[in-house]
Amino acid sequence: MPRVTRMKKIFIIAEVGVNHNADMSLAFQLIDEAVKAGADAVKFQAAVPELVATSSASKSQYQINSMCSSENQLEMIRSLHFPLDAYVSLKAKCDERGIVFFASAFDLVSLDFLEDLGQPMHKVPSGEITNLPFLERIGKYNKPILLSTGMSVIQEISDAIAVLEKSGAKRDNITILHCNTEYPTPFNDVNLKALKHISNHFGISVGYSDHTEGIAVPIAAAALGAKVIEKHFTIDRKLPGPDQKASLNPQEFKSMVDAIRETELALGSKEKLVTPSERINLIPVRRSLVASRPIKLGERFSEKNIVAKRPAIGISPMLWHKVIGKKAKKDFDIDELIVL
């Protein structure tokens, strides 16, 4: 698996997360659909619920809005996650379909399990950016790291990177994901301009983890330089679950992938060049100096007897002032190319 930060194309992740609702057949279906939609990777979420939340931890408001309001966060996590050994089958399915498998862990036991499973990269979820033991463990693996930055400020990102590097992670193995953790994210809170600021501030590859509705924002992120795009993926947004509403169905996800691929092609290079597709237009669209009326031998060229017209097969109009005042060395008919 090549380093995400050095891949030639934008790395697009279908974030299944917990949208499988602990149903293995649905998880397998989501993998199949992610392959059809053109994703580079399928990402799940792995957790030992009792290591993530206390029995008194309340849910986020968006989780309350989309799930049973009476259950607490621990009960919700228990209802949504597979046991760890299920990820062996999920990875095998991804390997069979030729798509990258990995999962975000939310505790140290899950982290070690996924590392032993051989997943090619690890992600620091936004909620773990201030979890020092978690960061130290990921740093020790010395694999590509996606550092999600929802709810954080520049100093917290800097602190997390320092912990990762001190623990063994290489700086050029880290991709910082700009993110907002509200589901769905209001458009006025996306702040995509932060991508450039983060990139310039840290000198590290950047990506974008999206929780908005629709596909416009991920496409814009690609245009602004995101090297990784992560978007939640579901079969049907009407299914129960906290992340379904901010997810794309397979048809929408494919539309996003296609648009991102078109965007990265359109970005091109920084150099301003005449492209192969437009080079054929140079002659028919640009102009040459021609006679605007019959010109006699010895007559001086002036603005009264020459003009710039298409096609560009003669003297360029940029040489106008060098031509004006010179004597004609032959007779010219109207529209005949001027020669000196």
Protein backbone atom coordinates (compact mmCIF):
# COMPACT_ATOMS: atom_id res chain seq x y z
CA MET A 1 0.00 0.00 0.00
CA PRO A 2 1.67 3.28 -1.09
CA ARG A 3 1.77 6.19 1.28
CA VAL A 4 -1.46 8.15 1.05
CA THR A 5 0.50 11.40 0.97
CA ARG A 6 2.45 10.28 -2.12
CA MET A 7 -0.34 8.79 -4.19
CA LYS A 8 -0.74 10.33 -7.62
CA LYS A 9 -4.49 10.62 -7.36
CA ILE A 10 -6.84 11.78 -4.63
CA PHE A 11 -7.52 8.91 -2.22
CA ILE A 12 -11.30 8.51 -1.84
CA ILE A 13 -12.63 6.68 1.21
CA ALA A 14 -16.14 5.27 1.48
CA GLU A 15 -16.75 5.70 5.20
CA VAL A 16 -19.16 2.91 6.09
CA GLY A 17 -18.45 3.51 9.77
CA VAL A 18 -21.37 1.96 11.61
CA ASN A 19 -23.90 2.34 8.80
CA HIS A 20 -24.05 -1.47 8.61
CA ASN A 21 -25.97 -1.46 11.94
CA ALA A 22 -24.06 -4.60 13.01
CA ASP A 23 -25.50 -6.57 10.08
CA MET A 24 -22.72 -8.49 8.30
CA SER A 25 -24.73 -9.04 5.12
CA LEU A 26 -25.34 -5.29 4.89
CA ALA A 27 -21.65 -4.63 5.52
CA PHE A 28 -20.71 -6.97 2.66
CA GLN A 29 -23.24 -5.25 0.41
CA LEU A 30 -21.72 -1.87 1.26
CA ILE A 31 -18.26 -3.14 0.30
CA ASP A 32 -19.59 -4.35 -3.06
CA GLU A 33 -21.33 -1.04 -3.70
CA ALA A 34 -18.23 0.98 -2.71
CA VAL A 35 -16.22 -0.94 -5.30
CA LYS A 36 -18.84 -0.20 -7.98
CA ALA A 37 -18.88 3.48 -6.98
CA GLY A 38 -15.12 3.80 -7.53
CA ALA A 39 -13.90 4.25 -3.94
CA ASP A 40 -10.24 3.51 -3.20
CA ALA A 41 -10.96 2.29 0.32
CA VAL A 42 -13.75 1.19 2.61
CA LYS A 43 -13.46 2.31 6.21
CA PHE A 44 -15.30 0.92 9.22
CA GLN A 45 -15.27 1.82 12.91
CA ALA A 46 -14.04 -0.62 15.54
CA ALA A 47 -14.58 -0.39 19.28
CA VAL A 48 -14.85 -2.29 22.51
CA PRO A 49 -17.83 -0.29 23.79
CA GLU A 50 -16.93 -0.52 27.48
CA LEU A 51 -13.53 1.03 26.72
CA VAL A 52 -15.04 3.99 24.89
CA ALA A 53 -17.80 5.45 27.07
CA THR A 54 -18.97 5.32 30.64
CA SER A 55 -22.46 4.10 31.47
CA SER A 56 -23.43 7.68 32.27
CA ALA A 57 -22.12 9.28 29.05
CA SER A 58 -24.91 11.03 27.16
CA LYS A 59 -25.15 11.08 23.39
CA SER A 60 -24.44 14.01 21.11
CA GLN A 61 -27.48 15.96 19.98
CA TYR A 62 -27.30 14.62 16.41
CA GLN A 63 -27.16 11.08 17.83
CA ILE A 64 -30.23 11.78 19.97
CA ASN A 65 -32.04 13.12 16.91
CA SER A 66 -31.41 9.97 14.87
CA MET A 67 -31.45 7.21 17.49
CA CYS A 68 -33.54 6.09 20.45
CA SER A 69 -33.52 9.08 22.78
CA SER A 70 -33.72 6.99 25.95
CA GLU A 71 -30.49 5.03 25.45
CA ASN A 72 -27.15 6.42 26.57
CA GLN A 73 -23.98 6.56 24.48
CA LEU A 74 -22.65 3.21 25.72
CA GLU A 75 -25.88 1.44 24.82
CA MET A 76 -25.82 3.04 21.37
CA ILE A 77 -22.22 1.95 20.75
CA ARG A 78 -23.05 -1.61 21.81
CA SER A 79 -25.95 -1.74 19.36
CA LEU A 80 -23.94 -0.50 16.37
CA HIS A 81 -20.54 -2.22 16.53
CA PHE A 82 -19.39 -5.65 15.44
CA PRO A 83 -17.27 -7.79 17.77
CA LEU A 84 -13.61 -7.41 16.80
CA ASP A 85 -13.31 -10.83 15.16
CA ALA A 86 -15.89 -9.73 12.57
CA TYR A 87 -13.27 -7.45 11.01
CA VAL A 88 -11.33 -10.51 9.84
CA SER A 89 -14.22 -11.32 7.51
CA LEU A 90 -14.64 -7.70 6.46
CA LYS A 91 -10.97 -7.41 5.53
CA ALA A 92 -11.13 -10.71 3.63
CA LYS A 93 -14.13 -9.42 1.68
CA CYS A 94 -12.29 -6.20 0.80
CA ASP A 95 -9.19 -8.15 -0.24
CA GLU A 96 -11.37 -10.33 -2.46
CA ARG A 97 -12.91 -7.26 -4.12
CA GLY A 98 -9.57 -5.47 -4.52
CA ILE A 99 -10.38 -2.46 -2.34
CA VAL A 100 -8.38 -1.16 0.63
CA PHE A 101 -9.80 -2.13 4.02
CA PHE A 102 -9.21 -0.22 7.22
CA ALA A 103 -11.12 0.85 10.30
CA SER A 104 -10.97 3.68 12.81
CA ALA A 105 -10.34 2.32 16.28
CA PHE A 106 -11.75 4.02 19.35
CA ASP A 107 -9.73 2.25 22.04
CA LEU A 108 -6.31 0.67 22.47
CA VAL A 109 -7.52 -2.93 22.30
CA SER A 110 -9.18 -2.26 18.94
CA LEU A 111 -6.09 -0.44 17.73
CA ASP A 112 -3.84 -3.39 18.47
CA PHE A 113 -6.32 -5.79 16.90
CA LEU A 114 -6.44 -3.80 13.66
CA GLU A 115 -2.66 -3.49 13.59
CA ASP A 116 -2.30 -7.25 14.01
CA LEU A 117 -4.90 -7.70 11.28
CA GLY A 118 -2.53 -5.87 8.97
CA GLN A 119 -4.54 -2.86 7.93
CA PRO A 120 -2.33 -0.51 5.88
CA MET A 121 -3.04 2.74 7.73
CA HIS A 122 -4.62 4.10 10.87
CA LYS A 123 -6.93 7.01 11.54
CA VAL A 124 -7.07 9.26 14.56
CA PRO A 125 -10.78 10.12 14.91
CA SER A 126 -11.52 13.74 15.79
CA GLY A 127 -12.55 12.82 19.32
CA GLU A 128 -9.17 11.17 19.98
CA ILE A 129 -6.94 14.10 18.98
CA THR A 130 -6.42 14.91 22.68
CA ASN A 131 -6.10 11.25 23.76
CA LEU A 132 -2.35 11.02 24.39
CA PRO A 133 -2.09 7.24 25.06
CA PHE A 134 -4.09 6.62 21.87
CA LEU A 135 -1.78 8.91 19.85
CA GLU A 136 1.31 7.25 21.28
CA ARG A 137 0.08 3.81 20.32
CA ILE A 138 -0.68 4.83 16.72
CA GLY A 139 2.67 6.60 16.43
CA LYS A 140 4.51 3.39 17.39
CA TYR A 141 3.01 1.52 14.43
CA ASN A 142 4.92 3.74 11.98
CA LYS A 143 2.24 3.49 9.30
CA PRO A 144 0.37 6.15 7.29
CA ILE A 145 -1.86 8.15 9.62
CA LEU A 146 -5.01 10.16 8.91
CA LEU A 147 -5.35 12.78 11.63
CA SER A 148 -8.93 14.05 11.79
CA THR A 149 -9.25 17.52 13.28
CA GLY A 150 -12.93 18.15 14.02
CA MET A 151 -13.51 20.31 17.12
CA SER A 152 -9.81 21.23 17.29
CA VAL A 153 -7.65 24.32 16.90
CA ILE A 154 -4.17 24.70 15.41
CA GLN A 155 -2.38 24.26 18.74
CA GLU A 156 -4.19 20.98 19.45
CA ILE A 157 -3.27 19.70 15.99
CA SER A 158 0.34 20.71 16.62
CA ASP A 159 0.35 18.95 19.98
CA ALA A 160 -1.07 15.75 18.46
CA ILE A 161 1.53 15.75 15.68
CA ALA A 162 4.28 16.22 18.24
CA VAL A 163 3.07 13.16 20.19
CA LEU A 164 2.81 11.07 17.03
CA GLU A 165 6.32 12.02 15.91
CA LYS A 166 7.84 11.48 19.35
CA SER A 167 6.27 8.01 19.38
CA GLY A 168 7.83 7.04 16.05
CA ALA A 169 5.55 8.33 13.30
CA LYS A 170 7.23 9.99 10.33
CA ARG A 171 5.94 13.44 9.51
CA ASP A 172 5.54 12.69 5.82
CA ASN A 173 3.37 9.72 6.76
CA ILE A 174 0.75 12.00 8.33
CA THR A 175 -2.21 13.48 6.46
CA ILE A 176 -4.24 16.08 8.35
CA LEU A 177 -7.97 15.82 7.65
CA HIS A 178 -9.93 19.02 7.99
CA CYS A 179 -13.29 18.10 9.51
CA ASN A 180 -16.41 19.32 11.26
CA THR A 181 -18.07 16.80 13.59
CA GLU A 182 -21.68 17.96 13.35
CA TYR A 183 -23.90 15.54 11.36
CA PRO A 184 -24.86 16.92 8.93
CA THR A 185 -22.49 19.89 8.97
CA PRO A 186 -24.10 23.27 8.18
CA PHE A 187 -22.47 24.73 5.07
CA ASN A 188 -21.58 27.93 6.88
CA ASP A 189 -19.50 25.90 9.36
CA VAL A 190 -17.44 23.96 6.79
CA ASN A 191 -14.65 26.57 6.51
CA LEU A 192 -12.86 24.95 3.59
CA LYS A 193 -10.33 27.78 3.50
CA ALA A 194 -8.80 26.15 6.57
CA LEU A 195 -7.39 23.48 4.24
CA LYS A 196 -4.88 25.94 2.81
CA HIS A 197 -4.11 27.40 6.22
CA ILE A 198 -3.44 23.97 7.73
CA SER A 199 -1.29 22.94 4.77
CA ASN A 200 0.77 26.14 4.88
CA HIS A 201 1.11 26.09 8.67
CA PHE A 202 2.32 22.50 9.02
CA GLY A 203 3.78 21.73 5.61
CA ILE A 204 1.94 18.42 5.73
CA SER A 205 -0.42 16.81 3.23
CA VAL A 206 -4.07 17.66 3.89
CA GLY A 207 -7.38 15.98 3.22
CA TYR A 208 -11.02 16.46 4.07
CA SER A 209 -13.48 14.32 6.03
CA ASP A 210 -16.95 15.45 5.02
CA HIS A 211 -20.20 15.41 6.97
CA THR A 212 -22.24 17.80 4.84
CA GLU A 213 -25.25 16.77 2.78
CA GLY A 214 -24.63 16.33 -0.94
CA ILE A 215 -21.42 16.23 -2.96
CA ALA A 216 -20.53 19.89 -3.59
CA VAL A 217 -18.20 20.36 -0.61
CA PRO A 218 -15.96 17.31 -1.19
CA ILE A 219 -15.53 18.37 -4.81
CA ALA A 220 -14.56 21.87 -3.69
CA ALA A 221 -12.11 20.36 -1.20
CA ALA A 222 -10.48 18.43 -4.03
CA ALA A 223 -10.10 21.66 -5.97
CA LEU A 224 -8.46 23.29 -2.94
CA GLY A 225 -5.78 20.63 -2.68
CA ALA A 226 -7.19 17.81 -0.53
CA LYS A 227 -5.21 14.62 -1.14
CA VAL A 228 -7.74 12.46 0.74
CA ILE A 229 -11.53 12.70 0.65
CA GLU A 230 -13.60 10.73 3.14
CA LYS A 231 -17.38 10.62 2.88
CA HIS A 232 -19.95 8.56 4.78
CA PHE A 233 -21.53 5.83 2.68
CA THR A 234 -24.86 4.04 3.07
CA ILE A 235 -27.33 1.94 1.15
CA ASP A 236 -30.25 4.08 2.28
CA ARG A 237 -30.29 7.29 4.36
CA LYS A 238 -33.62 6.23 5.82
CA LEU A 239 -31.97 3.40 7.74
CA PRO A 240 -31.56 3.92 11.50
CA GLY A 241 -28.20 5.15 12.71
CA PRO A 242 -26.48 8.37 13.76
CA ASP A 243 -24.50 8.87 10.54
CA GLN A 244 -27.03 7.92 7.88
CA LYS A 245 -28.34 11.41 7.17
CA ALA A 246 -24.88 12.78 6.35
CA SER A 247 -24.10 9.83 4.06
CA LEU A 248 -24.32 9.27 0.31
CA ASN A 249 -26.08 6.35 -1.33
CA PRO A 250 -24.15 4.38 -3.99
CA GLN A 251 -25.39 6.42 -6.95
CA GLU A 252 -24.56 9.71 -5.21
CA PHE A 253 -21.17 8.44 -4.12
CA LYS A 254 -20.31 7.44 -7.68
CA SER A 255 -21.33 10.91 -8.87
CA MET A 256 -18.99 12.40 -6.27
CA VAL A 257 -16.11 10.13 -7.29
CA ASP A 258 -16.60 10.96 -10.97
CA ALA A 259 -16.68 14.69 -10.22
CA ILE A 260 -13.55 14.49 -8.07
CA ARG A 261 -11.70 12.60 -10.78
CA GLU A 262 -12.74 15.24 -13.32
CA THR A 263 -11.67 17.97 -10.91
CA GLU A 264 -8.20 16.55 -10.35
CA LEU A 265 -7.74 16.20 -14.12
CA ALA A 266 -8.83 19.81 -14.55
CA LEU A 267 -6.39 21.06 -11.89
CA GLY A 268 -3.43 20.28 -14.15
CA SER A 269 -0.11 21.94 -13.36
CA LYS A 270 0.79 25.42 -12.14
CA GLU A 271 2.46 26.30 -15.44
CA LYS A 272 0.44 28.26 -18.00
CA LEU A 273 0.81 26.37 -21.27
CA VAL A 274 -0.86 26.00 -24.64
CA THR A 275 -2.59 22.66 -24.15
CA PRO A 276 -2.74 19.96 -26.85
CA SER A 277 -6.50 20.37 -27.18
CA GLU A 278 -6.30 24.11 -27.88
CA ARG A 279 -3.13 24.14 -29.98
CA ILE A 280 -5.22 23.30 -33.05
CA ASN A 281 -7.10 26.58 -32.54
CA LEU A 282 -4.06 28.84 -32.76
CA ILE A 283 -4.10 29.29 -36.54
CA PRO A 284 -7.86 29.67 -37.13
CA VAL A 285 -8.46 31.95 -34.12
CA ARG A 286 -5.42 34.25 -34.01
CA ARG A 287 -4.64 36.83 -36.68
CA SER A 288 -2.10 37.92 -39.31
CA LEU A 289 -1.44 41.24 -41.00
CA VAL A 290 -3.21 41.48 -44.37
CA ALA A 291 -3.97 44.20 -46.90
CA SER A 292 -7.20 46.05 -46.14
CA ARG A 293 -7.23 47.43 -49.71
CA PRO A 294 -5.06 46.99 -52.81
CA ILE A 295 -1.47 48.12 -52.12
CA LYS A 296 0.97 49.16 -54.87
CA LEU A 297 4.70 48.36 -55.02
CA GLY A 298 6.63 51.02 -53.08
CA GLU A 299 3.59 52.22 -51.11
CA ARG A 300 4.21 52.54 -47.37
CA PHE A 301 2.23 50.34 -45.01
CA SER A 302 -0.11 52.29 -42.71
CA GLU A 303 -3.21 51.87 -40.60
CA LYS A 304 -5.11 52.83 -43.76
CA ASN A 305 -4.00 49.89 -45.88
CA ILE A 306 -3.27 46.97 -43.48
CA VAL A 307 -5.42 45.21 -40.89
CA ALA A 308 -5.26 42.16 -38.59
CA LYS A 309 -7.47 39.27 -39.74
CA ARG A 310 -7.70 35.55 -39.26
CA PRO A 311 -5.99 33.09 -39.83
CA ALA A 312 -2.59 33.30 -38.08
CA ILE A 313 -0.40 32.12 -40.97
CA GLY A 314 1.50 35.33 -41.62
CA ILE A 315 3.07 38.24 -39.73
CA SER A 316 1.72 38.57 -36.18
CA PRO A 317 -0.17 41.77 -35.31
CA MET A 318 2.24 42.06 -32.36
CA LEU A 319 4.77 43.30 -35.00
CA TRP A 320 2.38 46.05 -36.13
CA HIS A 321 4.72 48.94 -35.26
CA LYS A 322 7.65 47.30 -37.05
CA VAL A 323 5.59 46.95 -40.23
CA ILE A 324 3.99 50.41 -40.24
CA GLY A 325 6.04 52.78 -42.38
CA LYS A 326 7.90 50.14 -44.38
CA LYS A 327 7.56 50.09 -48.17
CA ALA A 328 5.71 47.34 -49.98
CA LYS A 329 8.08 45.22 -52.07
CA LYS A 330 5.25 44.02 -54.30
CA ASP A 331 1.63 44.66 -55.14
CA PHE A 332 -0.91 43.26 -52.63
CA ASP A 333 -4.54 42.43 -53.29
CA ILE A 334 -7.15 42.93 -50.56
CA ASP A 335 -6.88 40.25 -47.80
CA GLU A 336 -3.45 39.15 -49.10
CA LEU A 337 -0.93 38.33 -46.38
CA ILE A 338 1.62 41.09 -45.83
CA VAL A 339 5.23 40.05 -46.35
CA LEU A 340 8.29 42.22 -45.86
